Amino acid sequence: MTIDAQAIVLRSTVPSPPGSRIEGTLVGEPAATLRVKVHGSKKQPEGDFVLVGRPLDLPRDTRERIERMARGAG
C-alpha cells in the first residue's frame, strides 16, 4: 500500500473498474473506514489486483495512520 496527496495504491483479491467507489475498513483500534474512487485495476501474477485510486473524505488522522502503515511503522 502506498499513499500520497493525490492517490492511494492498494492490493485487492477482487478487481474494481475505473470510476467505481469502494469501501474498506482499517483493522485495529480505532476502526476506520476508507473510501476510494478507483482509477485503475491491474491483475498481478499472484492472482490479486493492484488498485489505484483517490481517497474520498479521508480525515487527517486516518491518512496519517495509513501513511504509517505504508511505511511499516504500525
N, C-alpha and C. Protein backbone atom coordinates (compact mmCIF):
# COMPACT_ATOMS: atom_id res chain seq x y z
N MET A 1 0.85 -1.16 0.00
CA MET A 1 0.00 0.00 0.00
C MET A 1 0.90 1.23 0.00
N THR A 2 0.53 2.20 -0.84
CA THR A 2 1.19 3.50 -0.82
C THR A 2 0.11 4.57 -0.87
N ILE A 3 0.46 5.74 -0.39
CA ILE A 3 -0.47 6.86 -0.40
C ILE A 3 0.32 8.15 -0.54
N ASP A 4 -0.22 9.08 -1.32
CA ASP A 4 0.33 10.43 -1.37
C ASP A 4 -0.84 11.39 -1.44
N ALA A 5 -0.58 12.64 -1.75
CA ALA A 5 -1.63 13.66 -1.73
C ALA A 5 -2.73 13.41 -2.76
N GLN A 6 -2.41 12.71 -3.84
CA GLN A 6 -3.37 12.53 -4.92
C GLN A 6 -3.88 11.11 -5.11
N ALA A 7 -3.15 10.11 -4.64
CA ALA A 7 -3.54 8.74 -4.96
C ALA A 7 -3.18 7.77 -3.85
N ILE A 8 -3.89 6.64 -3.87
CA ILE A 8 -3.59 5.54 -2.98
C ILE A 8 -3.50 4.28 -3.85
N VAL A 9 -2.58 3.42 -3.52
CA VAL A 9 -2.40 2.16 -4.25
C VAL A 9 -2.63 1.03 -3.24
N LEU A 10 -3.57 0.14 -3.59
CA LEU A 10 -3.95 -0.95 -2.71
C LEU A 10 -3.85 -2.28 -3.44
N ARG A 11 -3.73 -3.36 -2.69
CA ARG A 11 -3.83 -4.71 -3.28
C ARG A 11 -5.16 -5.28 -2.84
N SER A 12 -5.82 -5.96 -3.77
CA SER A 12 -7.15 -6.49 -3.52
C SER A 12 -7.28 -7.88 -4.13
N THR A 13 -8.16 -8.68 -3.56
CA THR A 13 -8.42 -10.01 -4.12
C THR A 13 -9.46 -9.94 -5.23
N VAL A 14 -10.12 -8.79 -5.40
CA VAL A 14 -11.12 -8.63 -6.46
C VAL A 14 -10.82 -7.36 -7.26
N PRO A 15 -11.09 -7.39 -8.57
CA PRO A 15 -10.88 -6.18 -9.38
C PRO A 15 -11.99 -5.17 -9.13
N SER A 16 -11.74 -3.96 -9.56
CA SER A 16 -12.76 -2.91 -9.47
C SER A 16 -12.56 -1.99 -10.66
N PRO A 17 -13.61 -1.74 -11.44
CA PRO A 17 -13.44 -0.96 -12.67
C PRO A 17 -13.19 0.52 -12.39
N PRO A 18 -12.54 1.21 -13.33
CA PRO A 18 -12.33 2.64 -13.18
C PRO A 18 -13.68 3.36 -12.97
N GLY A 19 -13.67 4.31 -12.05
CA GLY A 19 -14.87 5.07 -11.74
C GLY A 19 -15.67 4.51 -10.59
N SER A 20 -15.41 3.25 -10.25
CA SER A 20 -16.16 2.66 -9.13
C SER A 20 -15.66 3.22 -7.81
N ARG A 21 -16.53 3.14 -6.84
CA ARG A 21 -16.19 3.58 -5.48
C ARG A 21 -16.21 2.36 -4.58
N ILE A 22 -15.12 2.15 -3.89
CA ILE A 22 -15.03 1.01 -3.00
C ILE A 22 -14.85 1.49 -1.57
N GLU A 23 -15.18 0.63 -0.63
CA GLU A 23 -15.07 0.98 0.77
C GLU A 23 -14.48 -0.19 1.52
N GLY A 24 -13.61 0.13 2.45
CA GLY A 24 -13.00 -0.90 3.28
C GLY A 24 -12.84 -0.39 4.69
N THR A 25 -12.44 -1.28 5.57
CA THR A 25 -12.26 -0.92 6.97
C THR A 25 -10.83 -1.23 7.39
N LEU A 26 -10.20 -0.26 8.02
CA LEU A 26 -8.87 -0.49 8.58
C LEU A 26 -9.05 -1.24 9.90
N VAL A 27 -8.34 -2.34 10.04
CA VAL A 27 -8.44 -3.12 11.26
C VAL A 27 -7.61 -2.47 12.35
N GLY A 28 -7.85 -2.88 13.57
CA GLY A 28 -7.13 -2.32 14.69
C GLY A 28 -7.96 -1.21 15.32
N GLU A 29 -7.43 -0.68 16.37
CA GLU A 29 -8.15 0.38 17.09
C GLU A 29 -7.50 1.73 16.84
N PRO A 30 -8.27 2.71 16.55
CA PRO A 30 -9.71 2.66 16.33
C PRO A 30 -10.00 2.20 14.90
N ALA A 31 -11.11 1.51 14.72
CA ALA A 31 -11.52 1.09 13.38
C ALA A 31 -11.79 2.35 12.55
N ALA A 32 -11.48 2.30 11.28
CA ALA A 32 -11.68 3.46 10.40
C ALA A 32 -12.12 2.98 9.03
N THR A 33 -12.98 3.76 8.40
CA THR A 33 -13.46 3.44 7.07
C THR A 33 -12.60 4.16 6.03
N LEU A 34 -12.28 3.45 4.97
CA LEU A 34 -11.51 4.01 3.86
C LEU A 34 -12.36 3.89 2.61
N ARG A 35 -12.65 5.02 1.98
CA ARG A 35 -13.40 5.03 0.73
C ARG A 35 -12.48 5.53 -0.37
N VAL A 36 -12.54 4.86 -1.54
CA VAL A 36 -11.64 5.18 -2.64
C VAL A 36 -12.42 5.19 -3.95
N LYS A 37 -12.15 6.18 -4.79
CA LYS A 37 -12.66 6.17 -6.16
C LYS A 37 -11.55 5.59 -7.03
N VAL A 38 -11.83 4.46 -7.66
CA VAL A 38 -10.83 3.70 -8.39
C VAL A 38 -10.54 4.35 -9.75
N HIS A 39 -9.25 4.48 -10.06
CA HIS A 39 -8.80 5.00 -11.36
C HIS A 39 -8.33 3.87 -12.26
N GLY A 40 -7.86 2.77 -11.66
CA GLY A 40 -7.36 1.65 -12.46
C GLY A 40 -7.20 0.40 -11.62
N SER A 41 -7.24 -0.75 -12.29
CA SER A 41 -7.11 -2.05 -11.65
C SER A 41 -6.28 -2.93 -12.57
N LYS A 42 -5.24 -3.55 -12.02
CA LYS A 42 -4.37 -4.39 -12.84
C LYS A 42 -4.13 -5.72 -12.14
N LYS A 43 -4.40 -6.81 -12.86
CA LYS A 43 -4.18 -8.14 -12.31
C LYS A 43 -2.69 -8.42 -12.19
N GLN A 44 -2.31 -9.04 -11.09
CA GLN A 44 -0.93 -9.37 -10.80
C GLN A 44 -0.68 -10.86 -11.04
N PRO A 45 0.57 -11.26 -11.26
CA PRO A 45 0.88 -12.68 -11.48
C PRO A 45 0.42 -13.58 -10.33
N GLU A 46 0.36 -13.05 -9.12
CA GLU A 46 -0.05 -13.83 -7.96
C GLU A 46 -1.55 -14.08 -7.94
N GLY A 47 -2.30 -13.38 -8.83
CA GLY A 47 -3.75 -13.57 -8.90
C GLY A 47 -4.56 -12.47 -8.24
N ASP A 48 -3.89 -11.60 -7.47
CA ASP A 48 -4.62 -10.48 -6.88
C ASP A 48 -4.53 -9.27 -7.80
N PHE A 49 -5.01 -8.12 -7.35
CA PHE A 49 -5.10 -6.94 -8.18
C PHE A 49 -4.49 -5.73 -7.46
N VAL A 50 -3.86 -4.87 -8.24
CA VAL A 50 -3.39 -3.59 -7.73
C VAL A 50 -4.42 -2.56 -8.16
N LEU A 51 -4.99 -1.86 -7.19
CA LEU A 51 -5.97 -0.82 -7.45
C LEU A 51 -5.33 0.53 -7.18
N VAL A 52 -5.51 1.45 -8.09
CA VAL A 52 -5.02 2.82 -7.93
C VAL A 52 -6.24 3.72 -7.91
N GLY A 53 -6.31 4.60 -6.94
CA GLY A 53 -7.45 5.48 -6.85
C GLY A 53 -7.18 6.71 -6.01
N ARG A 54 -8.25 7.44 -5.76
CA ARG A 54 -8.17 8.66 -4.97
C ARG A 54 -8.99 8.47 -3.70
N PRO A 55 -8.37 8.71 -2.53
CA PRO A 55 -9.13 8.60 -1.29
C PRO A 55 -10.25 9.64 -1.26
N LEU A 56 -11.39 9.25 -0.71
CA LEU A 56 -12.54 10.15 -0.59
C LEU A 56 -12.81 10.43 0.88
N ASP A 57 -13.04 11.69 1.20
CA ASP A 57 -13.43 12.08 2.56
C ASP A 57 -12.53 11.47 3.62
N LEU A 58 -11.23 11.61 3.44
CA LEU A 58 -10.26 10.97 4.33
C LEU A 58 -9.81 11.95 5.41
N PRO A 59 -10.21 11.71 6.66
CA PRO A 59 -9.76 12.58 7.75
C PRO A 59 -8.24 12.53 7.93
N ARG A 60 -7.68 13.60 8.41
CA ARG A 60 -6.23 13.70 8.57
C ARG A 60 -5.66 12.58 9.44
N ASP A 61 -6.32 12.25 10.56
CA ASP A 61 -5.77 11.21 11.43
C ASP A 61 -5.78 9.84 10.75
N THR A 62 -6.78 9.57 9.92
CA THR A 62 -6.81 8.31 9.18
C THR A 62 -5.74 8.28 8.11
N ARG A 63 -5.54 9.40 7.42
CA ARG A 63 -4.48 9.49 6.41
C ARG A 63 -3.12 9.24 7.06
N GLU A 64 -2.87 9.86 8.19
CA GLU A 64 -1.59 9.68 8.89
C GLU A 64 -1.41 8.23 9.31
N ARG A 65 -2.49 7.59 9.74
CA ARG A 65 -2.42 6.18 10.13
C ARG A 65 -2.07 5.31 8.92
N ILE A 66 -2.70 5.58 7.77
CA ILE A 66 -2.40 4.82 6.55
C ILE A 66 -0.95 5.05 6.13
N GLU A 67 -0.48 6.29 6.22
CA GLU A 67 0.91 6.58 5.87
C GLU A 67 1.87 5.78 6.75
N ARG A 68 1.57 5.69 8.05
CA ARG A 68 2.41 4.89 8.96
C ARG A 68 2.38 3.41 8.57
N MET A 69 1.19 2.91 8.24
CA MET A 69 1.06 1.51 7.82
C MET A 69 1.86 1.26 6.55
N ALA A 70 1.80 2.19 5.61
CA ALA A 70 2.52 2.03 4.34
C ALA A 70 4.04 2.00 4.55
N ARG A 71 4.50 2.74 5.54
CA ARG A 71 5.93 2.74 5.87
C ARG A 71 6.33 1.54 6.70
N GLY A 72 5.34 0.78 7.16
CA GLY A 72 5.63 -0.38 8.01
C GLY A 72 5.85 -0.01 9.45
N ALA A 73 5.38 1.18 9.85
CA ALA A 73 5.60 1.65 11.22
C ALA A 73 4.34 1.53 12.06
N GLY A 74 3.45 0.62 11.73
CA GLY A 74 2.31 0.40 12.60
C GLY A 74 1.06 0.82 12.01
